[in-house]
N, C-alpha and C. Protein backbone atom coordinates (compact mmCIF):
# COMPACT_ATOMS: atom_id res chain seq x y z
N UNK A 1 -5.80 153.31 35.76
CA UNK A 1 -5.00 153.24 34.51
C UNK A 1 -6.65 154.48 33.28
N UNK A 2 -5.83 154.98 32.59
CA UNK A 2 -6.94 155.57 31.64
C UNK A 2 -6.56 155.44 30.74
N UNK A 3 -7.78 154.32 29.44
CA UNK A 3 -7.78 154.36 28.08
C UNK A 3 -7.74 155.07 27.08
N UNK A 4 -7.14 156.05 26.21
CA UNK A 4 -7.15 156.45 25.40
C UNK A 4 -7.29 156.59 23.98
N UNK A 5 -8.10 156.24 23.58
CA UNK A 5 -8.31 155.57 21.48
C UNK A 5 -9.83 155.68 21.79
N UNK A 6 -9.41 155.40 19.80
CA UNK A 6 -10.82 156.00 19.28
C UNK A 6 -11.56 154.08 18.38
N UNK A 7 -10.72 153.45 19.00
CA UNK A 7 -10.72 151.92 18.93
C UNK A 7 -9.39 151.33 19.49
N UNK A 8 -10.03 149.74 19.80
CA UNK A 8 -9.72 149.14 20.65
C UNK A 8 -9.37 147.62 19.84
N UNK A 9 -7.84 146.87 19.39
CA UNK A 9 -8.27 145.54 18.81
C UNK A 9 -7.20 145.08 20.07
N UNK A 10 -8.04 143.50 20.36
CA UNK A 10 -7.31 142.08 20.86
C UNK A 10 -7.14 140.66 20.01
N UNK A 11 -5.70 140.66 19.92
CA UNK A 11 -5.30 139.59 20.20
C UNK A 11 -5.80 138.37 20.73
N UNK A 12 -6.03 137.29 20.04
CA UNK A 12 -6.84 136.69 20.25
C UNK A 12 -5.90 135.07 21.39
N UNK A 13 -5.72 134.43 21.28
CA UNK A 13 -4.71 133.44 22.14
C UNK A 13 -4.05 134.08 22.59
N UNK A 14 -4.59 133.20 24.16
CA UNK A 14 -3.35 133.81 25.30
C UNK A 14 -3.51 135.22 25.53
N UNK A 15 -4.10 135.89 25.05
CA UNK A 15 -4.96 137.86 25.42
C UNK A 15 -6.67 136.92 26.03
N UNK A 16 -7.48 137.65 25.19
CA UNK A 16 -8.91 137.36 25.09
C UNK A 16 -8.94 135.12 25.98
N UNK A 17 -7.94 134.74 26.00
CA UNK A 17 -8.35 133.28 25.89
C UNK A 17 -7.23 132.61 25.43
N UNK A 18 -6.66 131.74 27.69
CA UNK A 18 -5.94 131.74 27.89
C UNK A 18 -5.39 130.37 27.85
N UNK A 19 -4.48 129.83 25.81
CA UNK A 19 -4.35 128.57 25.97
C UNK A 19 -3.05 128.18 26.46
N UNK A 20 -2.29 128.55 26.37
CA UNK A 20 -1.08 128.56 26.15
C UNK A 20 -0.26 127.00 27.23
N UNK A 21 -0.86 126.27 27.75
CA UNK A 21 -0.02 125.29 28.41
C UNK A 21 -1.13 124.35 26.98
N UNK A 22 -2.17 124.66 26.63
CA UNK A 22 -3.14 123.59 26.13
C UNK A 22 -2.31 123.34 24.64
N UNK A 23 -2.06 124.60 23.81
CA UNK A 23 -1.19 125.09 22.64
C UNK A 23 0.17 124.43 22.32
N UNK A 24 1.04 123.98 23.91
CA UNK A 24 1.70 124.10 23.96
C UNK A 24 1.65 122.15 24.47
N UNK A 25 1.04 121.56 25.10
CA UNK A 25 1.10 120.16 24.95
C UNK A 25 0.53 119.70 23.84
N UNK A 26 -0.09 120.58 22.50
CA UNK A 26 -0.81 120.11 21.76
C UNK A 26 1.36 120.14 21.05
N UNK A 27 1.25 120.73 20.90
CA UNK A 27 2.52 121.12 19.23
C UNK A 27 3.83 120.44 19.88
N UNK A 28 3.44 119.71 21.00
CA UNK A 28 4.24 118.87 21.22
C UNK A 28 4.17 118.03 21.15
N UNK A 29 3.30 117.11 20.94
CA UNK A 29 2.31 116.09 20.69
C UNK A 29 2.51 116.13 19.37
N UNK A 30 1.90 117.37 18.60
CA UNK A 30 2.57 116.94 17.24
C UNK A 30 4.15 116.89 16.33
N UNK A 31 4.18 117.67 17.28
CA UNK A 31 6.11 117.93 17.06
C UNK A 31 7.14 116.79 16.80
N UNK A 32 6.32 115.74 17.64
CA UNK A 32 6.48 114.31 18.34
C UNK A 32 6.59 113.18 17.23
N UNK A 33 5.51 113.90 16.25
CA UNK A 33 5.04 113.21 15.18
C UNK A 33 5.48 113.39 14.28
N UNK A 34 5.15 115.09 13.77
CA UNK A 34 6.19 115.05 12.79
C UNK A 34 8.22 115.10 12.68
N UNK A 35 9.53 115.38 14.02
CA UNK A 35 10.13 114.71 13.37
C UNK A 35 10.75 114.56 14.89
N UNK A 36 9.81 113.40 15.67
CA UNK A 36 9.92 112.69 16.98
C UNK A 36 10.34 112.97 18.23
N UNK A 37 10.48 114.81 18.03
CA UNK A 37 10.46 115.01 19.59
C UNK A 37 10.32 115.79 19.92
N UNK A 38 10.18 116.62 20.75
CA UNK A 38 8.51 117.67 21.43
C UNK A 38 9.38 119.44 21.28
N UNK A 39 9.15 120.16 21.46
CA UNK A 39 9.03 121.42 21.20
C UNK A 39 10.55 121.84 22.69
N UNK A 40 11.44 122.02 21.69
CA UNK A 40 11.96 123.07 23.33
C UNK A 40 11.71 123.77 24.23
N UNK A 41 11.98 124.85 25.22
CA UNK A 41 11.22 126.15 25.58
C UNK A 41 11.23 127.42 24.94
N UNK A 42 12.82 126.79 24.26
CA UNK A 42 12.53 128.56 23.73
C UNK A 42 12.47 128.66 22.16
N UNK A 43 12.04 126.72 21.78
CA UNK A 43 11.33 127.17 20.82
C UNK A 43 10.27 127.16 20.65
N UNK A 44 9.43 127.34 21.57
CA UNK A 44 7.37 127.40 21.94
C UNK A 44 7.75 129.01 22.35
N UNK A 45 8.90 129.44 22.65
CA UNK A 45 8.82 130.97 22.38
C UNK A 45 9.05 131.78 21.95
N UNK A 46 9.57 131.20 20.77
CA UNK A 46 10.23 131.76 19.57
C UNK A 46 9.06 131.73 18.66
N UNK A 47 8.70 129.81 18.59
CA UNK A 47 7.13 130.92 17.55
C UNK A 47 5.88 130.77 18.39
N UNK A 48 5.65 130.87 19.85
CA UNK A 48 4.58 131.34 19.83
C UNK A 48 3.46 132.79 19.60
N UNK A 49 3.08 132.34 18.65
CA UNK A 49 2.65 134.25 18.31
C UNK A 49 2.07 133.49 16.88
N UNK A 50 3.11 132.51 16.19
CA UNK A 50 2.65 132.39 14.81
C UNK A 50 2.26 131.59 14.04
N UNK A 51 1.89 131.65 12.99
CA UNK A 51 1.36 130.24 11.80
C UNK A 51 1.23 129.31 12.00
N UNK A 52 0.11 128.69 11.87
CA UNK A 52 0.84 127.58 11.43
C UNK A 52 1.70 127.00 10.75
N UNK A 53 1.29 127.35 9.28
CA UNK A 53 2.23 127.17 8.50
C UNK A 53 3.71 127.87 9.00
N UNK A 54 4.03 128.42 9.99
CA UNK A 54 5.04 128.47 9.90
C UNK A 54 5.88 127.97 10.70
N UNK A 55 5.13 127.59 11.95
CA UNK A 55 5.78 126.96 12.76
C UNK A 55 5.91 125.20 12.11
N UNK A 56 4.97 124.82 11.20
CA UNK A 56 5.60 124.04 10.36
C UNK A 56 6.71 123.30 8.91
N UNK A 57 6.86 124.62 9.04
CA UNK A 57 7.90 124.75 8.03
C UNK A 57 9.11 125.27 9.24
N UNK A 58 8.96 126.01 9.94
CA UNK A 58 10.37 125.52 11.31
C UNK A 58 10.69 123.51 11.13
N UNK A 59 9.25 122.99 10.95
CA UNK A 59 9.85 121.66 11.57
C UNK A 59 10.31 120.45 9.33
N UNK A 60 9.58 121.11 9.20
CA UNK A 60 9.83 120.76 7.44
C UNK A 60 9.64 122.19 6.63
N UNK A 61 11.62 122.47 6.61
CA UNK A 61 10.89 123.23 5.51
C UNK A 61 10.85 123.40 4.12
N UNK A 62 11.10 121.89 2.81
CA UNK A 62 10.52 121.98 2.30
C UNK A 62 9.44 121.40 1.87
N UNK A 63 8.39 121.67 2.76
CA UNK A 63 6.74 121.05 3.15
C UNK A 63 6.24 122.16 2.00
N UNK A 64 5.07 120.47 1.07
CA UNK A 64 4.51 121.68 -0.04
C UNK A 64 3.10 121.94 1.33
N UNK A 65 1.79 122.94 0.33
CA UNK A 65 0.82 123.28 0.93
C UNK A 65 -0.37 121.95 1.49
N UNK A 66 0.53 120.84 0.77
CA UNK A 66 -0.70 119.80 1.39
C UNK A 66 -0.21 118.95 2.51
N UNK A 67 1.26 119.32 2.71
CA UNK A 67 2.11 118.34 3.70
C UNK A 67 1.73 119.66 4.95
N UNK A 68 1.61 120.60 4.80
CA UNK A 68 1.56 121.98 5.64
C UNK A 68 -0.19 121.68 6.24
N UNK A 69 -0.78 121.77 5.01
CA UNK A 69 -2.32 122.01 5.70
C UNK A 69 -2.65 120.22 6.22
N UNK A 70 -1.87 118.91 5.90
CA UNK A 70 -2.80 118.12 6.85
C UNK A 70 -2.32 118.19 8.53
N UNK A 71 -0.57 119.24 8.63
CA UNK A 71 0.10 118.90 9.66
C UNK A 71 -1.10 119.79 10.53
N UNK A 72 -1.41 120.94 10.00
CA UNK A 72 -1.33 121.61 10.79
C UNK A 72 -3.65 121.08 11.18
N UNK A 73 -4.54 120.78 10.31
CA UNK A 73 -5.26 120.08 10.62
C UNK A 73 -5.19 118.95 11.63
N UNK A 74 -4.00 118.67 12.50
CA UNK A 74 -4.07 117.70 12.66
C UNK A 74 -3.77 117.55 14.89
N UNK A 75 -1.99 118.65 14.19
CA UNK A 75 -2.47 119.82 15.21
C UNK A 75 -3.70 120.16 16.03
N UNK A 76 -3.88 121.10 15.18
CA UNK A 76 -5.57 121.15 15.63
C UNK A 76 -6.53 120.75 16.42
N UNK A 77 -6.83 119.45 16.19
CA UNK A 77 -7.57 118.15 16.33
C UNK A 77 -7.53 117.87 17.70
N UNK A 78 -5.46 117.52 17.33
CA UNK A 78 -5.23 117.68 19.32
C UNK A 78 -5.23 118.47 19.78
N UNK A 79 -5.43 119.73 19.53
CA UNK A 79 -5.37 120.90 20.66
C UNK A 79 -7.15 120.84 20.72
N UNK A 80 -7.80 121.05 19.98
CA UNK A 80 -9.17 121.35 20.45
C UNK A 80 -8.93 119.99 21.07
N UNK A 81 -9.38 118.79 21.34
CA UNK A 81 -9.39 117.42 22.54
C UNK A 81 -9.31 118.22 23.23
N UNK A 82 -8.47 118.94 23.57
CA UNK A 82 -7.33 119.29 25.15
C UNK A 82 -8.16 120.38 25.10
N UNK A 83 -8.49 121.40 25.01
CA UNK A 83 -9.57 122.11 24.84
C UNK A 83 -10.51 122.41 26.27
N UNK A 84 -10.65 120.97 25.05
CA UNK A 84 -12.56 121.69 25.43
C UNK A 84 -12.42 119.27 27.03
N UNK A 85 -11.16 118.88 27.41
CA UNK A 85 -10.84 118.31 28.47
C UNK A 85 -11.62 118.94 29.82
N UNK A 86 -11.36 120.64 29.39
CA UNK A 86 -11.39 121.39 31.30
C UNK A 86 -12.75 122.24 30.47
N UNK A 87 -13.58 123.45 30.67
CA UNK A 87 -14.34 124.14 31.06
C UNK A 87 -13.81 125.04 30.26
N UNK A 88 -13.52 125.66 28.71
CA UNK A 88 -12.76 126.30 28.53
C UNK A 88 -13.85 128.42 28.60
N UNK A 89 -13.11 128.97 29.55
CA UNK A 89 -13.98 130.41 28.82
C UNK A 89 -13.03 130.96 28.37
N UNK A 90 -13.46 132.25 28.28
CA UNK A 90 -12.25 133.59 27.99
C UNK A 90 -12.13 133.63 29.14
N UNK A 91 -10.42 134.66 29.27
CA UNK A 91 -9.45 134.75 30.36
C UNK A 91 -10.45 135.69 31.36
N UNK A 92 -10.08 135.87 32.70
CA UNK A 92 -10.43 136.93 33.91
C UNK A 92 -10.70 137.75 33.28
N UNK A 93 -11.86 138.53 33.41
CA UNK A 93 -12.21 140.32 33.46
C UNK A 93 -12.35 140.10 31.96
N UNK A 94 -12.30 139.04 31.52
CA UNK A 94 -12.48 139.57 29.64
C UNK A 94 -13.68 140.07 28.52
N UNK A 95 -14.79 139.17 29.68
CA UNK A 95 -16.26 139.14 29.40
C UNK A 95 -16.47 140.61 30.19
N UNK A 96 -16.38 140.81 30.91
CA UNK A 96 -17.08 141.93 31.36
C UNK A 96 -17.00 143.09 31.55
N UNK A 97 -15.14 143.60 30.90
CA UNK A 97 -14.34 144.65 29.92
C UNK A 97 -14.66 144.27 29.13
N UNK A 98 -15.23 143.86 28.15
CA UNK A 98 -15.95 143.36 26.30
C UNK A 98 -17.32 144.02 26.58
N UNK A 99 -17.95 143.83 27.72
CA UNK A 99 -18.95 144.30 27.73
C UNK A 99 -19.57 145.64 28.03
N UNK A 100 -18.52 146.31 28.70
CA UNK A 100 -18.51 147.40 28.92
C UNK A 100 -18.11 148.47 27.51
N UNK A 101 -17.03 147.84 27.20
CA UNK A 101 -16.53 148.94 25.99
C UNK A 101 -18.00 148.57 24.65
N UNK A 102 -18.18 147.66 24.99
CA UNK A 102 -20.33 147.53 24.21
C UNK A 102 -20.24 148.28 24.62
N UNK A 103 -20.82 148.61 25.26
CA UNK A 103 -21.91 149.56 25.61
C UNK A 103 -21.51 150.75 26.28
N UNK A 104 -20.62 150.77 25.90
CA UNK A 104 -20.30 152.89 26.10
C UNK A 104 -19.85 152.74 24.22
N UNK A 105 -19.76 152.04 22.60
CA UNK A 105 -20.01 152.19 21.52
C UNK A 105 -18.39 152.41 21.26
N UNK A 106 -17.26 151.43 21.87
CA UNK A 106 -15.79 151.92 21.70
C UNK A 106 -16.27 150.68 20.05
N UNK A 107 -15.37 150.39 19.39
CA UNK A 107 -15.48 149.64 18.41
C UNK A 107 -14.52 149.02 18.42
N UNK A 108 -14.51 147.50 18.27
CA UNK A 108 -13.98 146.62 18.63
C UNK A 108 -13.23 145.73 17.26
N UNK A 109 -12.27 145.20 17.85
CA UNK A 109 -11.43 144.20 16.48
C UNK A 109 -10.79 143.03 17.66
N UNK A 110 -10.45 141.72 16.53
CA UNK A 110 -9.89 140.94 16.36
C UNK A 110 -8.94 140.59 16.25
N UNK A 111 -7.58 140.39 15.86
CA UNK A 111 -6.34 140.27 15.41
C UNK A 111 -5.32 138.69 15.61
N UNK A 112 -6.07 138.00 15.22
CA UNK A 112 -4.82 136.89 15.31
C UNK A 112 -4.01 135.91 14.06
N UNK A 113 -3.58 135.33 15.27
CA UNK A 113 -3.12 134.23 13.96
C UNK A 113 -3.67 132.49 13.87
N UNK A 114 -4.68 132.96 14.85
CA UNK A 114 -5.12 131.47 14.76
C UNK A 114 -5.51 131.09 13.49
N UNK A 115 -5.52 129.81 13.33
CA UNK A 115 -5.99 128.91 11.88
C UNK A 115 -7.86 129.44 12.18
N UNK A 116 -8.02 129.51 10.71
CA UNK A 116 -10.08 129.10 10.05
C UNK A 116 -10.33 128.39 11.44
N UNK A 117 -9.77 127.56 11.32
CA UNK A 117 -9.74 126.22 11.55
C UNK A 117 -11.04 126.12 13.39
N UNK A 118 -9.75 126.76 14.00
CA UNK A 118 -9.81 127.17 15.01
C UNK A 118 -11.12 128.74 15.74
N UNK A 119 -10.70 129.51 14.67
CA UNK A 119 -11.23 130.78 14.85
C UNK A 119 -13.15 130.12 15.17
N UNK A 120 -13.58 129.60 13.63
CA UNK A 120 -14.57 128.31 13.00
C UNK A 120 -14.80 128.51 14.09
N UNK A 121 -14.66 127.59 15.28
CA UNK A 121 -14.72 126.99 16.48
C UNK A 121 -14.82 127.94 17.78
N UNK A 122 -13.95 129.14 17.67
CA UNK A 122 -13.81 130.56 19.22
C UNK A 122 -15.01 130.86 18.48
N UNK A 123 -15.27 131.40 17.95
CA UNK A 123 -16.41 132.09 17.49
C UNK A 123 -18.08 131.60 17.97
N UNK A 124 -18.58 130.71 17.37
CA UNK A 124 -19.89 130.53 18.66
C UNK A 124 -20.18 130.01 19.66
N UNK A 125 -18.57 129.17 20.17
CA UNK A 125 -18.18 128.27 21.33
C UNK A 125 -18.16 129.53 22.27
N UNK A 126 -17.89 130.65 22.16
CA UNK A 126 -17.50 131.48 23.69
C UNK A 126 -18.55 132.74 23.22
N UNK A 127 -18.98 132.87 21.71
CA UNK A 127 -19.70 134.16 21.60
C UNK A 127 -19.74 135.69 20.95
N UNK A 128 -18.23 135.05 20.02
CA UNK A 128 -17.58 136.24 19.86
C UNK A 128 -18.26 137.29 19.08
N UNK A 129 -19.30 137.08 18.72
CA UNK A 129 -20.48 137.84 17.71
C UNK A 129 -20.80 139.12 18.80
N UNK A 130 -21.18 138.53 20.56
CA UNK A 130 -21.90 139.61 20.98
C UNK A 130 -20.97 141.13 21.10
N UNK A 131 -19.93 141.17 20.63
CA UNK A 131 -18.84 142.19 20.92
C UNK A 131 -18.26 142.47 19.43
N UNK A 132 -18.03 141.10 18.39
CA UNK A 132 -17.26 141.68 17.20
C UNK A 132 -17.59 141.27 16.29
N UNK A 133 -17.98 142.37 15.12
CA UNK A 133 -18.91 141.79 14.02
C UNK A 133 -18.21 140.57 13.42
N UNK A 134 -18.49 139.82 12.02
CA UNK A 134 -17.47 139.12 11.65
C UNK A 134 -16.15 139.89 10.72
N UNK A 135 -16.87 140.82 10.44
CA UNK A 135 -16.00 140.84 9.45
C UNK A 135 -14.98 142.60 10.68
N UNK A 136 -15.09 142.03 10.98
CA UNK A 136 -14.07 143.22 12.53
C UNK A 136 -13.41 141.92 13.09
N UNK A 137 -13.18 140.71 12.61
CA UNK A 137 -12.69 139.19 12.88
C UNK A 137 -11.49 138.26 11.64
N UNK A 138 -10.38 139.64 12.26
CA UNK A 138 -9.66 139.38 11.35
C UNK A 138 -8.54 137.78 11.85
N UNK A 139 -8.79 137.11 11.11
CA UNK A 139 -7.69 135.43 11.42
C UNK A 139 -7.72 135.23 10.37
N UNK A 140 -7.18 133.29 10.86
CA UNK A 140 -7.06 132.35 9.34
C UNK A 140 -7.07 132.76 8.08
N UNK A 141 -6.31 134.00 7.73
CA UNK A 141 -5.87 134.06 6.30
C UNK A 141 -4.72 134.26 6.50
N UNK A 142 -4.04 133.57 4.57
CA UNK A 142 -3.09 133.21 4.55
C UNK A 142 -2.15 134.01 3.73
N UNK A 143 -3.09 135.51 3.30
CA UNK A 143 -2.75 136.39 2.48
C UNK A 143 -1.90 137.59 3.24
N UNK A 144 -2.01 137.15 5.00
CA UNK A 144 -1.10 137.95 5.39
C UNK A 144 -0.62 137.62 6.52
N UNK A 145 1.10 138.50 5.96
CA UNK A 145 2.38 138.69 6.68
C UNK A 145 1.68 137.90 8.73
N UNK A 146 2.33 137.27 8.86
CA UNK A 146 2.84 136.65 9.73
C UNK A 146 3.47 137.98 11.30
N UNK A 147 2.72 137.90 12.49
CA UNK A 147 3.55 138.59 13.40
C UNK A 147 4.82 138.13 13.69
N UNK A 148 6.17 138.67 13.88
CA UNK A 148 5.20 140.49 14.21
C UNK A 148 5.43 141.96 12.82
N UNK A 149 5.06 141.22 11.67
CA UNK A 149 4.70 141.85 11.23
C UNK A 149 3.78 142.49 11.27
N UNK A 150 3.16 144.15 11.30
CA UNK A 150 2.32 145.06 11.80
C UNK A 150 0.84 145.02 10.39
N UNK A 151 1.21 144.23 9.53
CA UNK A 151 0.03 144.16 8.63
C UNK A 151 -1.48 143.69 9.17
N UNK A 152 -1.18 142.28 10.47
CA UNK A 152 -2.86 142.22 10.35
C UNK A 152 -3.47 143.83 11.64
N UNK A 153 -2.88 144.34 12.98
CA UNK A 153 -2.94 145.12 13.14
C UNK A 153 -3.66 146.33 12.87
N UNK A 154 -2.80 146.97 11.00
CA UNK A 154 -2.74 147.58 10.31
C UNK A 154 -4.68 147.64 9.70
N UNK A 155 -4.94 145.62 9.64
CA UNK A 155 -6.04 145.94 8.23
C UNK A 155 -6.88 145.66 9.63
N UNK A 156 -7.23 145.30 10.95
CA UNK A 156 -7.89 145.46 11.85
C UNK A 156 -8.26 146.91 11.76
N UNK A 157 -7.57 147.39 12.06
CA UNK A 157 -8.05 148.94 12.63
C UNK A 157 -8.34 150.01 11.10
N UNK A 158 -8.21 149.11 10.10
CA UNK A 158 -9.72 149.72 8.87
C UNK A 158 -10.87 149.10 8.57
N UNK A 159 -10.89 147.84 9.72
CA UNK A 159 -11.69 147.42 9.53
C UNK A 159 -12.81 148.13 10.75
N UNK A 160 -12.37 148.96 11.90
CA UNK A 160 -13.20 149.78 12.27
C UNK A 160 -13.25 151.19 11.21
N UNK A 161 -12.83 151.37 10.50
CA UNK A 161 -12.64 152.48 10.06
C UNK A 161 -11.31 153.74 10.12
N UNK A 162 -11.02 153.08 11.34
CA UNK A 162 -9.60 153.66 11.60
C UNK A 162 -8.04 153.24 10.76
N UNK A 163 -7.06 154.20 11.24
CA UNK A 163 -6.01 154.40 10.86
C UNK A 163 -5.04 153.32 12.61
N UNK A 164 -3.92 153.13 12.66
CA UNK A 164 -3.65 151.71 13.58
C UNK A 164 -2.83 152.72 14.08
N UNK A 165 -2.55 154.23 14.45
CA UNK A 165 -1.94 154.87 15.14
C UNK A 165 -3.47 155.30 15.77
N UNK A 166 -4.29 155.38 15.69
CA UNK A 166 -5.74 155.93 16.83
C UNK A 166 -6.26 154.77 17.38
N UNK A 167 -5.22 153.63 17.35
CA UNK A 167 -6.24 152.02 18.34
C UNK A 167 -5.02 151.66 19.32
N UNK A 168 -5.45 151.32 20.60
CA UNK A 168 -5.14 150.83 21.18
C UNK A 168 -4.74 149.21 21.23
N UNK A 169 -3.78 148.32 20.89
CA UNK A 169 -4.01 146.72 20.57
C UNK A 169 -3.35 146.39 22.48
N UNK A 170 -4.43 145.07 22.97
CA UNK A 170 -3.90 144.44 23.34
C UNK A 170 -3.25 143.02 22.65
N UNK A 171 -2.26 142.78 23.17
CA UNK A 171 -1.59 141.52 23.08
C UNK A 171 -0.74 141.09 24.21
N UNK A 172 -0.41 139.14 24.65
CA UNK A 172 0.64 138.86 24.83
C UNK A 172 1.68 138.53 24.76
N UNK A 173 1.97 137.87 23.68
CA UNK A 173 3.56 137.62 23.25
C UNK A 173 4.13 138.41 22.54
N UNK A 174 5.61 138.27 22.43
CA UNK A 174 6.82 139.00 21.49
C UNK A 174 5.99 139.65 20.37
N UNK A 175 6.44 138.85 19.60
CA UNK A 175 6.10 138.46 18.06
C UNK A 175 4.60 139.58 17.72
N UNK A 176 4.16 139.02 19.02
CA UNK A 176 3.12 140.14 18.77
C UNK A 176 2.44 141.51 19.21
N UNK A 177 3.43 141.36 20.45
CA UNK A 177 3.66 143.50 20.60
C UNK A 177 4.40 144.09 19.67
N UNK A 178 5.38 142.99 18.89
CA UNK A 178 6.17 143.70 17.75
C UNK A 178 5.76 144.26 16.65
N UNK A 179 4.20 143.18 16.37
CA UNK A 179 3.91 143.81 15.15
C UNK A 179 2.77 145.25 16.05
N UNK A 180 2.56 144.92 16.71
CA UNK A 180 2.13 145.90 17.56
C UNK A 180 2.52 147.41 17.04
N UNK A 181 3.71 147.37 17.75
CA UNK A 181 4.84 148.40 16.73
C UNK A 181 4.90 148.50 15.94
N UNK A 182 5.32 147.84 14.83
CA UNK A 182 5.42 147.85 13.59
C UNK A 182 3.72 148.87 12.81
N UNK A 183 2.96 147.97 13.24
CA UNK A 183 1.53 148.58 12.63
C UNK A 183 1.22 150.20 13.50
N UNK A 184 1.71 150.96 14.31
CA UNK A 184 2.26 152.14 14.34
C UNK A 184 1.48 152.37 15.52
N UNK A 185 0.51 151.31 16.74
CA UNK A 185 -1.16 151.46 17.33
C UNK A 185 0.36 152.65 17.85
N UNK A 186 -1.20 153.49 18.65
CA UNK A 186 -1.73 154.93 19.99
C UNK A 186 -1.01 153.79 21.31
N UNK A 187 -1.25 152.71 21.99
CA UNK A 187 -0.16 152.20 22.77
C UNK A 187 -1.23 150.48 22.98
N UNK A 188 0.14 150.05 23.21
CA UNK A 188 0.07 148.60 23.20
C UNK A 188 0.12 148.58 24.76
N UNK A 189 -0.86 147.23 25.32
CA UNK A 189 -0.93 146.64 26.65
C UNK A 189 -0.49 145.20 26.46
N UNK A 190 0.24 145.20 27.28
CA UNK A 190 0.31 143.38 27.67
C UNK A 190 0.00 142.69 28.07
N UNK A 191 -0.31 141.56 28.17
CA UNK A 191 -1.45 140.77 29.23
C UNK A 191 -0.21 139.24 29.63
N UNK A 192 0.24 139.55 30.78
CA UNK A 192 0.87 139.19 31.27
C UNK A 192 0.82 137.27 31.71
N UNK A 193 -0.36 137.39 31.61
CA UNK A 193 -1.80 136.48 31.88
C UNK A 193 -1.43 135.19 33.13
N UNK A 194 -1.54 133.92 33.70
CA UNK A 194 -1.00 132.88 34.26
C UNK A 194 0.53 132.50 34.56
N UNK A 195 1.59 132.75 33.59
CA UNK A 195 1.98 132.08 33.20
C UNK A 195 3.51 134.35 33.89
N UNK A 196 3.30 134.91 33.72
CA UNK A 196 4.14 136.01 34.10
C UNK A 196 5.81 136.23 33.00
N UNK A 197 5.96 135.20 32.08
CA UNK A 197 7.04 135.72 31.54
C UNK A 197 7.05 136.54 30.99
N UNK A 198 9.05 137.59 31.69
CA UNK A 198 9.49 138.49 30.71
C UNK A 198 9.25 138.75 29.29
N UNK A 199 9.06 139.46 28.69
CA UNK A 199 9.52 140.25 26.89
C UNK A 199 10.86 140.66 27.76
N UNK A 200 11.56 140.13 25.90
CA UNK A 200 12.77 141.05 26.08
C UNK A 200 12.55 142.24 25.28
N UNK A 201 11.70 142.59 25.32
CA UNK A 201 11.16 144.24 24.76
C UNK A 201 10.92 145.07 26.16
N UNK A 202 11.61 146.39 26.20
CA UNK A 202 11.49 146.99 27.05
C UNK A 202 10.85 148.70 26.83
N UNK A 203 9.87 148.81 28.47
CA UNK A 203 9.15 149.98 28.33
C UNK A 203 7.40 150.25 27.58
N UNK A 204 7.14 148.52 27.86
CA UNK A 204 5.88 148.57 27.51
C UNK A 204 4.86 147.49 28.37
N UNK A 205 4.08 148.49 28.87
CA UNK A 205 2.87 148.51 29.90
C UNK A 205 2.12 147.42 29.47
N UNK A 206 2.14 146.56 31.40
CA UNK A 206 1.98 144.99 31.71
C UNK A 206 0.39 145.45 32.08
N UNK A 207 -0.68 144.45 32.64
CA UNK A 207 -1.22 144.03 32.96
C UNK A 207 -1.04 142.91 33.33
N UNK A 208 -1.78 142.18 34.19
CA UNK A 208 -1.86 140.70 34.90
C UNK A 208 -3.15 140.30 33.99
N UNK A 209 -4.25 140.86 33.59
CA UNK A 209 -5.25 140.16 33.23
C UNK A 209 -6.57 141.17 32.90
N UNK A 210 -7.58 141.59 32.24
CA UNK A 210 -8.88 142.65 32.26
C UNK A 210 -9.00 142.67 33.55
N UNK A 211 -9.30 141.20 34.79
CA UNK A 211 -9.68 142.30 35.35
C UNK A 211 -9.56 143.64 36.28
N UNK A 212 -8.26 143.99 35.96
CA UNK A 212 -6.80 144.75 36.17
C UNK A 212 -8.24 145.97 35.85
N UNK A 213 -8.31 146.14 34.41
CA UNK A 213 -8.80 147.72 33.75
C UNK A 213 -10.03 147.33 34.07
N UNK A 214 -11.21 147.11 33.96
CA UNK A 214 -12.71 147.14 35.29
C UNK A 214 -12.50 148.23 35.92
N UNK A 215 -12.05 148.28 36.85
CA UNK A 215 -12.46 150.43 37.90
C UNK A 215 -10.97 151.59 36.41
N UNK A 216 -11.36 150.47 35.41
CA UNK A 216 -10.08 152.48 34.87
C UNK A 216 -11.84 152.98 33.53
N UNK A 217 -10.18 154.26 34.00
CA UNK A 217 -11.65 155.46 32.50
C UNK A 217 -11.04 154.73 31.34
N UNK A 218 -12.03 154.58 30.57
CA UNK A 218 -12.24 154.72 29.28
C UNK A 218 -12.28 155.72 28.85
N UNK A 219 -11.91 156.73 27.65
CA UNK A 219 -12.13 157.47 26.64
C UNK A 219 -11.77 157.20 25.19
N UNK A 220 -12.99 157.53 24.74
CA UNK A 220 -12.85 157.10 22.66
C UNK A 220 -12.78 158.68 22.14
């Protein structure tokens, strides 16, 4: 596979970091606390890739900002505890792929719906600044519409000094893929990950993990 783009943008959760099971467990526990029952599979699928605020408003449509912040903090405490039960690392092939791109001088950015409290943990824990300057990590911002709106990818492209039409985007969720298409990217590649669920969007190129790209021809 040849990758042709002037810059590359990565989603984080489910793409560079496989945490769907941990995120699902955390949201199930939070949902029980908030409304008395866990998420159904269809609920989790539709909410996956969206911000904490949107998910909490799904549970509590009339919640004010203090209530949203409280439940978001509680959920992310649970999520971090679950993640740290194991030895979390970037997804298979990610670190090697990022190093290769860095050696080639390919501009890279992250565009994530992750809340600020999580990204503040991810950045040092995974040493993300080895590959992404802080100004190229677009996450934890309430002023950006949630995916499937493509604004976050357009802002990530701007951080690279590019238009989104000159970027390649890696995503995993349906809302993320739709956001990449909404941003008008040159190409979007979906990371299937360990679950391998099908999307309702046709014609999207998919790979299982970044390990598949380690022998790819990369052209900027």
